[in-house]
């Protein structure tokens, strides 16, 4: 890990395990619904809330998403109740970069998650900043303001390299508090990773 920012609200990055949790309940777990597609590729909040409701009451929904995380040795607690009324409960879950990386590294090697990973490779153009500038990356971003209005911008993603796959979890909380500055910071980090792609630590799925 580089830098001194370790953790904060997951924001929309939590939509990845949320969608996986929903897929686990489907008769055909490879079937991608419109809500799943919108939640990942567009980061559509209404679609994510629809998925959350299908998982049961808030306690049951949080438990379902936690179960997905725990499958991949991620101990993160999913927030079940809205701590800020204007935002989703699950998006305010505290998710460390370390746990996020651990989750995605394991989830990326589970064939059941292939439909979700494919959606992470189809992110809408207006959200292709940060890891979105890295060719063939599969990623999901999340962003939102603190109670003082300062933005946190974060992403997690999978980068193909000549030596296998590299997982990255990156975040920026610019001193300006600006969303645009957060995007700029993540894009600079992603370009650095891309420039050194062949030197990144990587692994093959077993």
Protein backbone atom coordinates (compact mmCIF):
# COMPACT_ATOMS: atom_id res chain seq x y z
CA UNK A 1 0.00 0.00 0.00
CA UNK A 2 1.18 3.51 -0.83
CA UNK A 3 -0.05 6.68 0.85
CA UNK A 4 -1.71 7.16 4.19
CA UNK A 5 -5.43 6.84 3.37
CA UNK A 6 -6.51 3.38 4.60
CA UNK A 7 -10.31 3.32 4.79
CA UNK A 8 -13.63 5.09 4.41
CA UNK A 9 -17.14 4.68 2.98
CA UNK A 10 -17.34 2.11 0.20
CA UNK A 11 -19.73 4.25 -1.82
CA UNK A 12 -20.59 2.51 -5.08
CA UNK A 13 -17.70 0.04 -5.03
CA UNK A 14 -19.89 -2.07 -2.72
CA UNK A 15 -22.23 -2.64 -5.67
CA UNK A 16 -19.92 -5.42 -6.85
CA UNK A 17 -20.51 -7.78 -3.88
CA UNK A 18 -24.12 -6.58 -3.81
CA UNK A 19 -24.69 -7.78 -7.36
CA UNK A 20 -22.83 -11.02 -6.65
CA UNK A 21 -25.13 -11.59 -3.67
CA UNK A 22 -28.16 -11.16 -5.92
CA UNK A 23 -26.73 -13.53 -8.53
CA UNK A 24 -26.32 -16.19 -5.83
CA UNK A 25 -30.12 -16.14 -5.35
CA UNK A 26 -31.04 -16.50 -9.03
CA UNK A 27 -32.24 -19.81 -10.51
CA UNK A 28 -29.79 -19.16 -13.33
CA UNK A 29 -26.81 -17.54 -11.57
CA UNK A 30 -25.28 -16.57 -14.90
CA UNK A 31 -28.31 -14.43 -15.80
CA UNK A 32 -27.60 -10.68 -15.75
CA UNK A 33 -30.68 -8.58 -15.06
CA UNK A 34 -31.21 -5.01 -16.19
CA UNK A 35 -30.80 -3.85 -12.59
CA UNK A 36 -27.48 -5.64 -12.24
CA UNK A 37 -26.19 -4.18 -15.47
CA UNK A 38 -27.26 -0.66 -14.53
CA UNK A 39 -25.84 -0.92 -11.01
CA UNK A 40 -22.37 -1.83 -12.31
CA UNK A 41 -21.99 -0.19 -15.72
CA UNK A 42 -23.85 3.04 -14.89
CA UNK A 43 -23.45 2.98 -11.09
CA UNK A 44 -27.22 3.47 -11.00
CA UNK A 45 -28.31 3.99 -7.40
CA UNK A 46 -31.98 3.17 -7.98
CA UNK A 47 -31.01 -0.15 -9.55
CA UNK A 48 -28.73 -0.95 -6.61
CA UNK A 49 -31.49 -0.13 -4.12
CA UNK A 50 -33.84 -2.43 -6.06
CA UNK A 51 -31.31 -5.27 -5.76
CA UNK A 52 -30.86 -4.52 -2.04
CA UNK A 53 -34.61 -4.85 -1.47
CA UNK A 54 -34.78 -8.19 -3.27
CA UNK A 55 -32.29 -9.58 -0.73
CA UNK A 56 -34.80 -9.07 2.09
CA UNK A 57 -35.14 -6.55 4.89
CA UNK A 58 -32.07 -4.39 5.61
CA UNK A 59 -30.63 -6.84 8.13
CA UNK A 60 -31.04 -9.80 5.76
CA UNK A 61 -29.68 -7.84 2.80
CA UNK A 62 -26.60 -6.75 4.72
CA UNK A 63 -26.04 -10.35 5.85
CA UNK A 64 -26.28 -11.59 2.24
CA UNK A 65 -23.63 -9.13 1.06
CA UNK A 66 -21.45 -9.90 4.08
CA UNK A 67 -21.68 -13.59 3.24
CA UNK A 68 -20.25 -12.87 -0.20
CA UNK A 69 -17.38 -10.89 1.32
CA UNK A 70 -16.68 -13.62 3.86
CA UNK A 71 -16.45 -16.20 1.08
CA UNK A 72 -13.30 -14.35 0.04
CA UNK A 73 -11.88 -13.81 3.56
CA UNK A 74 -13.04 -10.21 3.76
CA UNK A 75 -14.31 -9.40 7.30
CA UNK A 76 -16.01 -6.12 6.33
CA UNK A 77 -19.29 -5.33 8.08
CA UNK A 78 -22.00 -4.15 5.70
CA UNK A 79 -24.07 -1.26 7.03
CA UNK A 80 -27.72 -2.30 7.25
CA UNK A 81 -29.32 1.01 8.27
CA UNK A 82 -29.05 4.43 6.68
CA UNK A 83 -26.59 6.51 8.67
CA UNK A 84 -27.05 9.43 6.25
CA UNK A 85 -30.64 9.56 5.00
CA UNK A 86 -29.74 10.83 1.54
CA UNK A 87 -27.44 7.88 0.81
CA UNK A 88 -27.79 4.10 0.69
CA UNK A 89 -27.04 2.11 3.82
CA UNK A 90 -24.67 -0.29 2.05
CA UNK A 91 -22.69 2.52 0.41
CA UNK A 92 -21.76 3.87 3.84
CA UNK A 93 -20.11 0.58 4.85
CA UNK A 94 -16.53 1.17 5.92
CA UNK A 95 -14.31 -0.76 3.48
CA UNK A 96 -10.54 -0.70 3.79
CA UNK A 97 -8.37 -0.76 0.69
CA UNK A 98 -6.66 -3.87 2.05
CA UNK A 99 -9.91 -5.79 2.50
CA UNK A 100 -11.20 -4.54 -0.83
CA UNK A 101 -8.07 -5.84 -2.57
CA UNK A 102 -8.35 -9.17 -0.77
CA UNK A 103 -11.99 -9.52 -1.79
CA UNK A 104 -11.43 -8.71 -5.46
CA UNK A 105 -8.32 -10.86 -5.82
CA UNK A 106 -10.26 -13.93 -4.64
CA UNK A 107 -13.54 -13.05 -6.38
CA UNK A 108 -11.72 -12.60 -9.70
CA UNK A 109 -10.72 -16.27 -9.66
CA UNK A 110 -14.22 -17.61 -8.97
CA UNK A 111 -15.86 -18.59 -12.25
CA UNK A 112 -19.31 -17.88 -10.78
CA UNK A 113 -18.45 -14.17 -10.83
CA UNK A 114 -17.56 -14.03 -14.52
CA UNK A 115 -20.80 -12.19 -15.49
CA UNK A 116 -20.11 -9.46 -12.91
CA UNK A 117 -16.48 -9.10 -13.97
CA UNK A 118 -17.67 -8.78 -17.56
CA UNK A 119 -19.93 -5.90 -16.52
CA UNK A 120 -16.92 -4.26 -14.85
CA UNK A 121 -15.34 -4.23 -18.32
CA UNK A 122 -18.34 -2.35 -19.77
CA UNK A 123 -18.37 0.80 -17.62
CA UNK A 124 -20.06 3.80 -19.23
CA UNK A 125 -17.71 6.24 -20.95
CA UNK A 126 -18.40 9.10 -18.54
CA UNK A 127 -16.98 6.99 -15.70
CA UNK A 128 -13.86 5.82 -17.55
CA UNK A 129 -11.43 7.83 -15.49
CA UNK A 130 -8.89 6.44 -13.03
CA UNK A 131 -8.53 2.73 -13.79
CA UNK A 132 -10.79 3.34 -16.77
CA UNK A 133 -7.78 4.71 -18.69
CA UNK A 134 -6.00 1.34 -18.36
CA UNK A 135 -6.74 -0.81 -21.40
CA UNK A 136 -8.72 -3.99 -20.70
CA UNK A 137 -9.12 -3.19 -17.00
CA UNK A 138 -12.27 -4.38 -15.24
CA UNK A 139 -13.17 -1.91 -12.52
CA UNK A 140 -15.83 -0.22 -10.41
CA UNK A 141 -15.72 3.25 -8.94
CA UNK A 142 -17.44 4.92 -6.04
CA UNK A 143 -17.58 8.50 -4.86
CA UNK A 144 -19.43 10.78 -2.51
CA UNK A 145 -19.12 13.75 -0.18
CA UNK A 146 -18.34 13.76 3.52
CA UNK A 147 -20.72 15.61 5.81
CA UNK A 148 -18.56 18.68 5.26
CA UNK A 149 -18.92 18.31 1.48
CA UNK A 150 -15.41 17.03 0.68
CA UNK A 151 -15.35 14.22 -1.85
CA UNK A 152 -13.85 10.78 -1.49
CA UNK A 153 -13.25 9.09 -4.84
CA UNK A 154 -12.26 5.42 -4.97
CA UNK A 155 -12.01 2.48 -7.35
CA UNK A 156 -11.09 -1.17 -7.37
CA UNK A 157 -10.14 -3.10 -10.45
CA UNK A 158 -8.36 -5.95 -12.18
CA UNK A 159 -5.49 -5.15 -14.53
CA UNK A 160 -4.21 -7.79 -16.97
CA UNK A 161 -0.42 -7.89 -17.19
CA UNK A 162 2.07 -10.04 -19.10
CA UNK A 163 2.54 -12.06 -15.90
CA UNK A 164 -1.09 -12.55 -14.93
CA UNK A 165 -3.66 -10.40 -13.15
CA UNK A 166 -3.04 -7.51 -10.77
CA UNK A 167 -5.72 -6.19 -8.43
CA UNK A 168 -5.67 -2.52 -7.47
CA UNK A 169 -7.71 -0.60 -4.91
CA UNK A 170 -7.10 3.14 -5.02
CA UNK A 171 -8.64 6.18 -3.37
CA UNK A 172 -8.21 9.94 -3.21
CA UNK A 173 -9.58 12.48 -0.79
CA UNK A 174 -8.16 15.72 -2.23
CA UNK A 175 -7.43 18.63 0.06
CA UNK A 176 -9.60 20.79 -2.19
CA UNK A 177 -12.55 18.49 -1.51
CA UNK A 178 -13.32 18.57 -5.24
CA UNK A 179 -14.74 15.56 -7.09
CA UNK A 180 -12.85 16.66 -10.21
CA UNK A 181 -9.55 16.74 -8.31
CA UNK A 182 -10.28 13.26 -6.96
CA UNK A 183 -10.83 11.98 -10.49
CA UNK A 184 -7.60 13.64 -11.60
CA UNK A 185 -5.66 12.00 -8.76
CA UNK A 186 -7.00 8.52 -9.51
CA UNK A 187 -6.26 8.94 -13.20
CA UNK A 188 -2.66 9.93 -12.40
CA UNK A 189 -2.29 6.83 -10.20
CA UNK A 190 -3.80 4.63 -12.91
CA UNK A 191 -1.49 6.01 -15.58
CA UNK A 192 1.48 5.26 -13.34
CA UNK A 193 0.28 1.68 -12.88
CA UNK A 194 -0.26 1.32 -16.61
CA UNK A 195 3.23 2.63 -17.40
CA UNK A 196 4.71 -0.05 -15.15
CA UNK A 197 2.23 -2.80 -15.98
CA UNK A 198 4.88 -5.41 -16.74
CA UNK A 199 6.53 -4.81 -13.34
CA UNK A 200 3.37 -5.04 -11.24
CA UNK A 201 3.03 -8.01 -8.88
CA UNK A 202 0.66 -10.41 -10.59
CA UNK A 203 -0.70 -13.93 -10.30
CA UNK A 204 -2.59 -16.50 -12.30
CA UNK A 205 -5.86 -17.94 -11.05
CA UNK A 206 -5.35 -21.50 -9.78
